[in-house]
Amino acid sequence: MFLGCVIIGAIMNPPQMDALATEFITVTRAELKEKLQQIEACVAQLTAEQLWDRRHETENAVGNLLLHLRGNVQQWLVCGVGGHSDNRDRDAEFADRVPTPAEDLLRPLRETLAGVDAVLAGLSAKDLLNTRQIQGRKLTVLHAIYHVVEHLSGHVGQIIWATKRATGRDLGF
């Protein structure tokens, strides 16, 4: 990823780099909003029982995925990129079996994504190439953002599938 940025930087002038960075950040912010809307649409169709259903112990309930997404996004972008302190307990995100109500899961996710939006809105093209230490890995801010969008999208796909399985409905997205 970093090498690609260096190569692009060598053939693009600063205004083009700024435009590319602005587009990347704009598209990222829109993608995160769209994924949140998809999550909310799915959760709205699930009963409390369906939200915490797991067919077997190795499967994650939608409720656990919501806890996990909030933790991942918080750790990587609010803390890792935004500079806030990180106190994530990743194992607890998957171990939780308390049937927390949907709104109590969605509220922290919404708040975290609002925090991410503020972090993203404050980034410049130069910021995207800065390095951070996240989960013991040294990577660029661009890489961290890309990771979060990819990771979130994968789990949103799981939430959509679980919702379709539970409800038998076409969700329209």
Protein backbone atom coordinates (compact mmCIF):
# COMPACT_ATOMS: atom_id res chain seq x y z
CA MET A 1 0.00 0.00 0.00
CA PHE A 2 2.71 2.49 1.01
CA LEU A 3 4.77 1.74 -2.12
CA GLY A 4 1.70 2.45 -4.25
CA CYS A 5 1.30 5.82 -2.53
CA VAL A 6 4.96 6.63 -3.17
CA ILE A 7 4.61 5.72 -6.85
CA ILE A 8 1.41 7.75 -7.18
CA GLY A 9 3.11 10.64 -5.40
CA ALA A 10 5.97 10.53 -7.89
CA ILE A 11 3.66 10.94 -10.87
CA MET A 12 1.04 13.26 -9.35
CA ASN A 13 1.51 16.88 -8.44
CA PRO A 14 0.41 18.20 -5.01
CA PRO A 15 -3.00 19.48 -6.18
CA GLN A 16 -3.75 16.07 -7.70
CA MET A 17 -2.66 14.34 -4.49
CA ASP A 18 -4.92 16.64 -2.49
CA ALA A 19 -7.83 15.88 -4.83
CA LEU A 20 -7.18 12.14 -4.56
CA ALA A 21 -6.99 12.33 -0.76
CA THR A 22 -10.17 14.39 -0.59
CA GLU A 23 -11.99 11.89 -2.80
CA PHE A 24 -10.73 8.94 -0.75
CA ILE A 25 -11.89 10.54 2.49
CA THR A 26 -15.24 11.61 1.00
CA VAL A 27 -15.92 8.11 -0.35
CA THR A 28 -14.84 6.53 2.94
CA ARG A 29 -17.19 8.74 4.95
CA ALA A 30 -20.08 7.89 2.60
CA GLU A 31 -19.30 4.14 2.75
CA LEU A 32 -19.28 4.15 6.55
CA LYS A 33 -22.63 5.96 6.64
CA GLU A 34 -24.10 3.49 4.14
CA LYS A 35 -22.86 0.50 6.14
CA LEU A 36 -24.39 1.93 9.32
CA GLN A 37 -27.73 2.35 7.51
CA GLN A 38 -27.57 -1.28 6.37
CA ILE A 39 -26.81 -2.42 9.92
CA GLU A 40 -29.71 -0.37 11.31
CA ALA A 41 -32.08 -1.74 8.65
CA CYS A 42 -31.09 -5.31 9.53
CA VAL A 43 -31.28 -4.87 13.29
CA ALA A 44 -34.72 -3.24 12.96
CA GLN A 45 -36.03 -6.48 11.45
CA LEU A 46 -34.60 -8.80 14.09
CA THR A 47 -36.26 -9.83 17.32
CA ALA A 48 -34.20 -9.78 20.50
CA GLU A 49 -33.87 -13.54 20.21
CA GLN A 50 -32.73 -13.36 16.57
CA LEU A 51 -30.19 -10.65 17.45
CA TRP A 52 -28.43 -13.08 19.78
CA ASP A 53 -29.09 -16.32 17.89
CA ARG A 54 -26.19 -18.58 17.07
CA ARG A 55 -26.69 -21.98 15.49
CA HIS A 56 -23.49 -23.28 17.05
CA GLU A 57 -20.78 -21.98 19.35
CA THR A 58 -18.36 -21.08 16.55
CA GLU A 59 -20.90 -18.76 14.92
CA ASN A 60 -21.14 -15.11 15.94
CA ALA A 61 -24.50 -13.65 16.84
CA VAL A 62 -25.39 -10.33 15.22
CA GLY A 63 -25.20 -8.80 18.70
CA ASN A 64 -21.58 -9.93 19.02
CA LEU A 65 -20.77 -8.59 15.57
CA LEU A 66 -22.13 -5.17 16.60
CA LEU A 67 -19.94 -5.19 19.71
CA HIS A 68 -16.96 -6.27 17.62
CA LEU A 69 -17.46 -3.65 14.92
CA ARG A 70 -17.69 -0.88 17.47
CA GLY A 71 -14.50 -2.13 19.12
CA ASN A 72 -12.59 -2.49 15.87
CA VAL A 73 -13.59 0.87 14.43
CA GLN A 74 -12.91 2.60 17.75
CA GLN A 75 -9.47 1.00 18.11
CA TRP A 76 -8.29 1.58 14.55
CA LEU A 77 -9.67 5.00 13.69
CA VAL A 78 -10.77 6.89 16.81
CA CYS A 79 -7.80 5.70 18.87
CA GLY A 80 -5.19 4.62 16.33
CA VAL A 81 -5.64 7.46 13.86
CA GLY A 82 -7.39 10.03 16.06
CA GLY A 83 -4.96 9.65 18.94
CA HIS A 84 -7.41 8.77 21.72
CA SER A 85 -6.52 6.18 24.35
CA ASP A 86 -7.38 2.58 23.54
CA ASN A 87 -8.88 0.23 26.13
CA ARG A 88 -10.43 -2.36 23.85
CA ASP A 89 -11.15 -5.89 25.10
CA ARG A 90 -11.56 -7.77 21.82
CA ASP A 91 -12.19 -11.16 23.43
CA ALA A 92 -15.12 -9.72 25.41
CA GLU A 93 -16.80 -8.64 22.16
CA PHE A 94 -17.21 -12.28 21.17
CA ALA A 95 -17.65 -13.77 24.64
CA ASP A 96 -20.64 -11.62 25.59
CA ARG A 97 -23.82 -13.68 25.83
CA VAL A 98 -25.94 -11.12 27.70
CA PRO A 99 -28.88 -10.33 25.42
CA THR A 100 -28.22 -6.59 25.27
CA PRO A 101 -31.11 -4.72 23.60
CA ALA A 102 -30.57 -3.59 20.02
CA GLU A 103 -30.59 0.13 20.79
CA ASP A 104 -27.95 -0.37 23.49
CA LEU A 105 -25.73 -1.94 20.82
CA LEU A 106 -26.49 0.56 18.07
CA ARG A 107 -26.01 3.71 20.16
CA PRO A 108 -22.29 3.13 20.89
CA LEU A 109 -21.70 2.09 17.27
CA ARG A 110 -23.36 5.29 16.03
CA GLU A 111 -21.33 7.38 18.48
CA THR A 112 -18.12 5.68 17.40
CA LEU A 113 -18.87 6.22 13.71
CA ALA A 114 -19.65 9.88 14.42
CA GLY A 115 -16.24 10.12 16.08
CA VAL A 116 -14.65 8.47 13.06
CA ASP A 117 -16.39 10.92 10.76
CA ALA A 118 -14.89 13.81 12.74
CA VAL A 119 -11.41 12.23 12.56
CA LEU A 120 -11.73 11.67 8.80
CA ALA A 121 -13.02 15.19 8.19
CA GLY A 122 -9.86 16.59 9.77
CA LEU A 123 -7.36 14.62 7.66
CA SER A 124 -5.22 16.04 4.87
CA ALA A 125 -3.43 14.28 2.01
CA LYS A 126 -0.20 14.44 4.01
CA ASP A 127 -1.92 12.89 7.04
CA LEU A 128 -2.84 9.79 5.03
CA LEU A 129 0.84 8.89 4.71
CA ASN A 130 1.65 9.34 8.40
CA THR A 131 2.32 6.10 10.25
CA ARG A 132 0.61 4.79 13.35
CA GLN A 133 1.05 1.78 15.61
CA ILE A 134 -2.23 -0.18 15.73
CA GLN A 135 -2.54 -3.69 17.15
CA GLY A 136 1.25 -3.88 17.23
CA ARG A 137 1.57 -3.09 13.53
CA LYS A 138 3.16 0.00 12.01
CA LEU A 139 1.04 1.20 9.11
CA THR A 140 -0.09 4.33 7.33
CA VAL A 141 -3.28 6.19 8.17
CA LEU A 142 -4.45 5.31 4.65
CA HIS A 143 -3.92 1.62 5.38
CA ALA A 144 -5.80 1.89 8.69
CA ILE A 145 -8.77 3.54 6.99
CA TYR A 146 -8.78 0.98 4.19
CA HIS A 147 -8.64 -1.84 6.74
CA VAL A 148 -11.64 -0.51 8.66
CA VAL A 149 -13.82 -0.11 5.56
CA GLU A 150 -12.90 -3.61 4.37
CA HIS A 151 -13.38 -5.16 7.82
CA LEU A 152 -16.67 -3.39 8.44
CA SER A 153 -17.97 -4.36 5.00
CA GLY A 154 -17.19 -8.02 5.57
CA HIS A 155 -19.05 -8.14 8.86
CA VAL A 156 -21.96 -6.12 7.48
CA GLY A 157 -22.26 -8.83 4.84
CA GLN A 158 -22.50 -11.39 7.65
CA ILE A 159 -25.18 -9.31 9.38
CA ILE A 160 -27.16 -9.06 6.14
CA TRP A 161 -26.89 -12.81 5.61
CA ALA A 162 -27.93 -13.56 9.20
CA THR A 163 -30.91 -11.21 8.86
CA LYS A 164 -32.02 -12.86 5.62
CA ARG A 165 -31.63 -16.29 7.23
CA ALA A 166 -33.63 -15.25 10.30
CA THR A 167 -36.42 -13.38 8.52
CA GLY A 168 -36.60 -14.93 5.06
CA ARG A 169 -36.90 -11.40 3.65
CA ASP A 170 -35.16 -9.71 0.74
CA LEU A 171 -33.54 -6.65 2.28
CA GLY A 172 -33.25 -4.70 -0.96
CA PHE A 173 -29.53 -3.98 -0.80
